[in-house]
Amino acid sequence: MSFTTTVTWASIDDKSSNTEFAAERNAKMDLMTTTGQILRINPSKTTATGSIEFNTMLDAEEWKKFIQDLATKYNKTILSVVIE
């Protein structure tokens, strides 16, 4: 069984406009992919949402906490984070 974390941002700019934010986010995704935690990344460049499929609920929760902390660090607004 896998778990998908869907993040809905306030805007596309909040999701991707800051290069430092994007670099930190991408580094974490690369690490989680390398360690087998991420099964699939479903990005969208035209919407304010994106989702990632994880192996375990623990992996999905790790991403949720990471992305929320990163959003706070860079003053970005997340409308919702849902794990299904």
N, C-alpha and C. Protein backbone atom coordinates (compact mmCIF):
# COMPACT_ATOMS: atom_id res chain seq x y z
N MET A 1 0.85 -1.18 0.00
CA MET A 1 0.00 0.00 0.00
C MET A 1 0.89 1.24 0.00
N SER A 2 0.50 2.23 -0.75
CA SER A 2 1.24 3.49 -0.79
C SER A 2 0.35 4.62 -0.28
N PHE A 3 0.97 5.76 -0.03
CA PHE A 3 0.28 6.93 0.50
C PHE A 3 0.67 8.14 -0.32
N THR A 4 -0.31 8.94 -0.71
CA THR A 4 -0.06 10.12 -1.53
C THR A 4 -0.29 11.38 -0.70
N THR A 5 0.71 12.25 -0.72
CA THR A 5 0.61 13.54 -0.05
C THR A 5 0.37 14.59 -1.12
N THR A 6 -0.75 15.30 -1.01
CA THR A 6 -1.08 16.36 -1.95
C THR A 6 -1.01 17.70 -1.23
N VAL A 7 -0.21 18.60 -1.79
CA VAL A 7 -0.03 19.93 -1.22
C VAL A 7 -0.72 20.93 -2.14
N THR A 8 -1.57 21.76 -1.56
CA THR A 8 -2.21 22.84 -2.30
C THR A 8 -1.68 24.16 -1.76
N TRP A 9 -1.03 24.89 -2.64
CA TRP A 9 -0.42 26.17 -2.29
C TRP A 9 -1.40 27.29 -2.57
N ALA A 10 -1.17 28.45 -1.97
CA ALA A 10 -2.03 29.61 -2.21
C ALA A 10 -1.90 30.11 -3.65
N SER A 11 -0.74 29.90 -4.25
CA SER A 11 -0.52 30.34 -5.63
C SER A 11 0.62 29.53 -6.24
N ILE A 12 0.74 29.60 -7.55
CA ILE A 12 1.86 28.94 -8.23
C ILE A 12 3.17 29.58 -7.79
N ASP A 13 3.17 30.89 -7.56
CA ASP A 13 4.37 31.57 -7.08
C ASP A 13 4.82 31.03 -5.72
N ASP A 14 3.87 30.80 -4.81
CA ASP A 14 4.24 30.24 -3.51
C ASP A 14 4.87 28.85 -3.68
N LYS A 15 4.42 28.14 -4.66
CA LYS A 15 4.90 26.79 -4.89
C LYS A 15 6.31 26.75 -5.48
N SER A 16 6.69 27.76 -6.26
CA SER A 16 7.95 27.59 -6.99
C SER A 16 8.74 28.84 -7.33
N SER A 17 8.40 30.01 -6.81
CA SER A 17 9.03 31.23 -7.30
C SER A 17 10.41 31.53 -6.69
N ASN A 18 10.75 30.93 -5.56
CA ASN A 18 12.00 31.23 -4.88
C ASN A 18 13.03 30.14 -5.17
N THR A 19 14.19 30.49 -5.71
CA THR A 19 15.18 29.49 -6.11
C THR A 19 15.78 28.74 -4.92
N GLU A 20 15.99 29.41 -3.79
CA GLU A 20 16.52 28.73 -2.62
C GLU A 20 15.50 27.72 -2.07
N PHE A 21 14.25 28.14 -2.04
CA PHE A 21 13.16 27.24 -1.62
C PHE A 21 13.12 26.01 -2.52
N ALA A 22 13.14 26.24 -3.83
CA ALA A 22 13.08 25.14 -4.79
C ALA A 22 14.29 24.21 -4.65
N ALA A 23 15.47 24.77 -4.41
CA ALA A 23 16.67 23.95 -4.26
C ALA A 23 16.57 23.04 -3.03
N GLU A 24 16.09 23.59 -1.92
CA GLU A 24 15.93 22.77 -0.70
C GLU A 24 14.87 21.69 -0.90
N ARG A 25 13.76 22.07 -1.51
CA ARG A 25 12.67 21.11 -1.77
C ARG A 25 13.17 19.99 -2.68
N ASN A 26 13.85 20.36 -3.75
CA ASN A 26 14.32 19.36 -4.71
C ASN A 26 15.38 18.44 -4.11
N ALA A 27 16.24 18.99 -3.26
CA ALA A 27 17.26 18.17 -2.60
C ALA A 27 16.60 17.12 -1.71
N LYS A 28 15.56 17.51 -0.99
CA LYS A 28 14.84 16.57 -0.12
C LYS A 28 14.15 15.50 -0.96
N MET A 29 13.52 15.90 -2.07
CA MET A 29 12.88 14.92 -2.95
C MET A 29 13.91 13.95 -3.52
N ASP A 30 15.07 14.46 -3.93
CA ASP A 30 16.13 13.60 -4.47
C ASP A 30 16.59 12.59 -3.42
N LEU A 31 16.80 13.07 -2.19
CA LEU A 31 17.23 12.18 -1.12
C LEU A 31 16.19 11.10 -0.85
N MET A 32 14.92 11.50 -0.76
CA MET A 32 13.85 10.55 -0.48
C MET A 32 13.65 9.56 -1.63
N THR A 33 13.93 9.99 -2.84
CA THR A 33 13.86 9.09 -4.00
C THR A 33 15.01 8.09 -3.94
N THR A 34 16.20 8.57 -3.64
CA THR A 34 17.38 7.71 -3.56
C THR A 34 17.23 6.65 -2.48
N THR A 35 16.61 7.00 -1.37
CA THR A 35 16.44 6.05 -0.27
C THR A 35 15.20 5.17 -0.43
N GLY A 36 14.48 5.33 -1.54
CA GLY A 36 13.32 4.48 -1.82
C GLY A 36 12.05 4.88 -1.12
N GLN A 37 12.01 6.06 -0.53
CA GLN A 37 10.81 6.50 0.17
C GLN A 37 9.74 6.99 -0.81
N ILE A 38 10.17 7.61 -1.89
CA ILE A 38 9.25 8.16 -2.89
C ILE A 38 9.07 7.15 -4.02
N LEU A 39 7.82 6.88 -4.36
CA LEU A 39 7.50 6.02 -5.48
C LEU A 39 7.29 6.81 -6.76
N ARG A 40 6.63 7.96 -6.63
CA ARG A 40 6.28 8.75 -7.82
C ARG A 40 6.04 10.20 -7.41
N ILE A 41 6.53 11.11 -8.24
CA ILE A 41 6.28 12.54 -8.06
C ILE A 41 5.34 12.99 -9.17
N ASN A 42 4.27 13.67 -8.79
CA ASN A 42 3.27 14.14 -9.76
C ASN A 42 3.21 15.67 -9.72
N PRO A 43 4.21 16.33 -10.31
CA PRO A 43 4.24 17.79 -10.26
C PRO A 43 3.30 18.40 -11.31
N SER A 44 2.95 19.63 -11.11
CA SER A 44 2.19 20.40 -12.09
C SER A 44 2.75 21.80 -12.12
N LYS A 45 3.20 22.24 -13.27
CA LYS A 45 3.73 23.60 -13.39
C LYS A 45 2.62 24.61 -13.65
N THR A 46 1.40 24.15 -13.94
CA THR A 46 0.31 25.05 -14.29
C THR A 46 -0.75 25.19 -13.20
N THR A 47 -0.59 24.45 -12.08
CA THR A 47 -1.54 24.57 -10.98
C THR A 47 -0.78 24.77 -9.67
N ALA A 48 -1.48 25.16 -8.64
CA ALA A 48 -0.87 25.38 -7.33
C ALA A 48 -0.86 24.12 -6.48
N THR A 49 -1.05 22.96 -7.09
CA THR A 49 -1.01 21.70 -6.34
C THR A 49 0.08 20.80 -6.89
N GLY A 50 0.46 19.86 -6.08
CA GLY A 50 1.40 18.83 -6.47
C GLY A 50 1.25 17.66 -5.52
N SER A 51 1.58 16.47 -5.97
CA SER A 51 1.45 15.31 -5.09
C SER A 51 2.64 14.38 -5.28
N ILE A 52 2.91 13.66 -4.20
CA ILE A 52 4.00 12.69 -4.20
C ILE A 52 3.47 11.41 -3.57
N GLU A 53 3.78 10.29 -4.21
CA GLU A 53 3.38 8.99 -3.69
C GLU A 53 4.54 8.38 -2.91
N PHE A 54 4.26 7.97 -1.68
CA PHE A 54 5.28 7.45 -0.78
C PHE A 54 5.03 5.98 -0.46
N ASN A 55 6.08 5.29 -0.05
CA ASN A 55 5.98 3.89 0.33
C ASN A 55 5.18 3.68 1.60
N THR A 56 5.39 4.55 2.60
CA THR A 56 4.75 4.35 3.90
C THR A 56 4.10 5.64 4.39
N MET A 57 3.23 5.49 5.36
CA MET A 57 2.61 6.65 5.99
C MET A 57 3.68 7.50 6.68
N LEU A 58 4.66 6.85 7.28
CA LEU A 58 5.75 7.57 7.94
C LEU A 58 6.50 8.46 6.95
N ASP A 59 6.75 7.95 5.75
CA ASP A 59 7.41 8.74 4.70
C ASP A 59 6.54 9.93 4.29
N ALA A 60 5.25 9.70 4.14
CA ALA A 60 4.32 10.78 3.77
C ALA A 60 4.27 11.85 4.86
N GLU A 61 4.27 11.42 6.12
CA GLU A 61 4.26 12.37 7.24
C GLU A 61 5.57 13.15 7.31
N GLU A 62 6.68 12.48 7.00
CA GLU A 62 7.98 13.16 6.98
C GLU A 62 7.96 14.29 5.95
N TRP A 63 7.42 14.00 4.76
CA TRP A 63 7.34 15.02 3.72
C TRP A 63 6.43 16.16 4.15
N LYS A 64 5.29 15.82 4.73
CA LYS A 64 4.33 16.83 5.17
C LYS A 64 4.99 17.81 6.14
N LYS A 65 5.69 17.30 7.14
CA LYS A 65 6.36 18.17 8.10
C LYS A 65 7.45 18.99 7.42
N PHE A 66 8.23 18.34 6.57
CA PHE A 66 9.31 19.05 5.87
C PHE A 66 8.77 20.21 5.05
N ILE A 67 7.74 19.96 4.24
CA ILE A 67 7.25 21.00 3.33
C ILE A 67 6.56 22.12 4.10
N GLN A 68 5.89 21.80 5.20
CA GLN A 68 5.28 22.84 6.03
C GLN A 68 6.36 23.71 6.69
N ASP A 69 7.41 23.08 7.19
CA ASP A 69 8.51 23.84 7.79
C ASP A 69 9.22 24.70 6.74
N LEU A 70 9.41 24.16 5.56
CA LEU A 70 10.06 24.91 4.48
C LEU A 70 9.21 26.10 4.06
N ALA A 71 7.90 25.91 3.98
CA ALA A 71 7.00 27.01 3.62
C ALA A 71 7.09 28.12 4.66
N THR A 72 7.14 27.74 5.93
CA THR A 72 7.27 28.74 6.99
C THR A 72 8.60 29.49 6.87
N LYS A 73 9.67 28.77 6.64
CA LYS A 73 11.00 29.36 6.51
C LYS A 73 11.05 30.42 5.41
N TYR A 74 10.37 30.15 4.28
CA TYR A 74 10.41 31.05 3.13
C TYR A 74 9.16 31.91 2.98
N ASN A 75 8.32 31.94 4.01
CA ASN A 75 7.11 32.76 4.02
C ASN A 75 6.19 32.45 2.83
N LYS A 76 5.97 31.17 2.61
CA LYS A 76 5.07 30.69 1.56
C LYS A 76 3.77 30.23 2.23
N THR A 77 2.68 30.23 1.49
CA THR A 77 1.39 29.85 2.06
C THR A 77 0.89 28.54 1.47
N ILE A 78 0.66 27.58 2.36
CA ILE A 78 0.06 26.31 1.99
C ILE A 78 -1.39 26.35 2.45
N LEU A 79 -2.31 26.06 1.54
CA LEU A 79 -3.73 26.02 1.90
C LEU A 79 -4.10 24.70 2.56
N SER A 80 -3.52 23.60 2.06
CA SER A 80 -3.80 22.29 2.66
C SER A 80 -2.73 21.28 2.29
N VAL A 81 -2.57 20.30 3.19
CA VAL A 81 -1.73 19.13 2.94
C VAL A 81 -2.56 17.93 3.32
N VAL A 82 -2.84 17.07 2.35
CA VAL A 82 -3.70 15.91 2.58
C VAL A 82 -2.91 14.65 2.27
N ILE A 83 -3.00 13.68 3.17
CA ILE A 83 -2.39 12.37 2.93
C ILE A 83 -3.50 11.37 2.75
N GLU A 84 -3.45 10.67 1.63
CA GLU A 84 -4.48 9.66 1.34
C GLU A 84 -3.83 8.33 1.08
